[in-house]
Amino acid sequence: IGQEHIRIWDLDLSDQELKNFDFSRCKLLRVKFVGTKLVRSNFEQTILRECNFTRSRLVGTSFRGADLKTCIFRNLQIDDETDLSIAKGRLPD
């Protein structure tokens, strides 16, 4: 069983370009990704709380096994490669 990589709290990453960024197994609390380009980024097994992904570009991005609570996903840009298969019972509120 892997351990968390990084814990990030109260960070505004809005309108940034974070292509191929690896957030896997991190814990993110109140991080803003509004309008952020997260193309081919990795959120696998990440714990996300109160994060905002409004208008984010998630083309090819993976959330496989992620644990989401009180996150906002609106007006996203996704494609067939985007993996939103989050952990069972861990849907956004």
Protein backbone atom coordinates (compact mmCIF):
# COMPACT_ATOMS: atom_id res chain seq x y z
CA ILE A 1 0.00 0.00 0.00
CA GLY A 2 1.47 3.34 -1.06
CA GLN A 3 1.60 6.42 1.12
CA GLU A 4 0.41 9.93 0.34
CA HIS A 5 2.94 12.00 -1.58
CA ILE A 6 2.08 15.60 -0.72
CA ARG A 7 -0.57 17.52 1.24
CA ILE A 8 -1.71 20.82 -0.26
CA TRP A 9 -4.12 23.23 1.48
CA ASP A 10 -5.72 26.52 0.39
CA LEU A 11 -3.89 26.96 -2.91
CA ASP A 12 -5.24 28.81 -5.95
CA LEU A 13 -4.01 27.20 -9.18
CA SER A 14 -6.70 28.82 -11.33
CA ASP A 15 -5.90 29.51 -15.00
CA GLN A 16 -2.56 27.68 -14.80
CA GLU A 17 -1.17 25.16 -17.28
CA LEU A 18 -0.32 21.96 -15.41
CA LYS A 19 -0.05 19.43 -18.23
CA ASN A 20 1.15 15.94 -17.26
CA PHE A 21 1.20 16.91 -13.58
CA ASP A 22 1.23 14.04 -11.06
CA PHE A 23 -1.04 14.55 -8.02
CA SER A 24 -1.42 10.79 -7.44
CA ARG A 25 -1.91 9.76 -3.80
CA CYS A 26 -1.79 13.39 -2.65
CA LYS A 27 -4.25 15.02 -0.26
CA LEU A 28 -5.72 18.29 -1.62
CA LEU A 29 -7.92 20.53 0.54
CA ARG A 30 -9.60 23.69 -0.81
CA VAL A 31 -7.47 23.82 -3.97
CA LYS A 32 -8.87 25.89 -6.85
CA PHE A 33 -8.33 24.58 -10.38
CA VAL A 34 -10.81 27.01 -12.01
CA GLY A 35 -10.00 27.25 -15.73
CA THR A 36 -6.81 25.22 -15.23
CA LYS A 37 -5.37 23.10 -18.06
CA LEU A 38 -4.76 19.69 -16.47
CA VAL A 39 -4.27 17.76 -19.72
CA ARG A 40 -3.00 14.20 -19.08
CA SER A 41 -2.59 14.91 -15.36
CA ASN A 42 -2.84 12.18 -12.73
CA PHE A 43 -5.19 12.32 -9.69
CA GLU A 44 -5.25 8.54 -9.14
CA GLN A 45 -5.93 7.57 -5.50
CA THR A 46 -5.90 11.26 -4.55
CA ILE A 47 -7.97 12.55 -1.63
CA LEU A 48 -9.74 15.76 -2.70
CA ARG A 49 -11.81 17.91 -0.33
CA GLU A 50 -13.62 21.14 -1.28
CA CYS A 51 -11.69 21.48 -4.57
CA ASN A 52 -13.10 23.45 -7.52
CA PHE A 53 -12.52 22.25 -11.10
CA THR A 54 -14.99 24.63 -12.83
CA ARG A 55 -14.09 25.19 -16.54
CA SER A 56 -10.99 22.99 -16.21
CA ARG A 57 -9.54 21.13 -19.18
CA LEU A 58 -9.27 17.49 -18.08
CA VAL A 59 -8.47 15.88 -21.43
CA GLY A 60 -6.72 12.56 -20.79
CA THR A 61 -6.69 13.15 -17.02
CA SER A 62 -7.22 10.24 -14.61
CA PHE A 63 -9.17 10.29 -11.33
CA ARG A 64 -9.15 6.48 -11.03
CA GLY A 65 -9.69 5.51 -7.38
CA ALA A 66 -9.83 9.14 -6.19
CA ASP A 67 -11.74 10.00 -3.01
CA LEU A 68 -13.82 13.16 -3.60
CA LYS A 69 -15.90 15.11 -1.10
CA THR A 70 -17.57 18.49 -1.64
CA CYS A 71 -15.77 19.10 -4.95
CA ILE A 72 -17.15 21.14 -7.86
CA PHE A 73 -16.96 19.80 -11.44
CA ARG A 74 -18.81 22.14 -13.85
CA ASN A 75 -18.35 23.04 -17.51
CA LEU A 76 -15.41 20.67 -17.96
CA GLN A 77 -13.52 19.84 -21.13
CA ILE A 78 -13.03 16.07 -21.22
CA ASP A 79 -12.50 13.37 -23.86
CA ASP A 80 -12.71 9.57 -24.17
CA GLU A 81 -9.34 9.24 -22.40
CA THR A 82 -10.52 11.12 -19.28
CA ASP A 83 -10.94 8.54 -16.49
CA LEU A 84 -13.52 9.57 -13.90
CA SER A 85 -13.80 6.12 -12.28
CA ILE A 86 -13.47 7.35 -8.70
CA ALA A 87 -13.43 5.13 -5.62
CA LYS A 88 -16.70 3.32 -4.92
CA GLY A 89 -18.87 5.37 -2.57
CA ARG A 90 -16.65 8.44 -2.93
CA LEU A 91 -18.76 10.62 -5.22
CA PRO A 92 -18.63 14.41 -4.97
CA ASP A 93 -21.39 15.84 -2.72
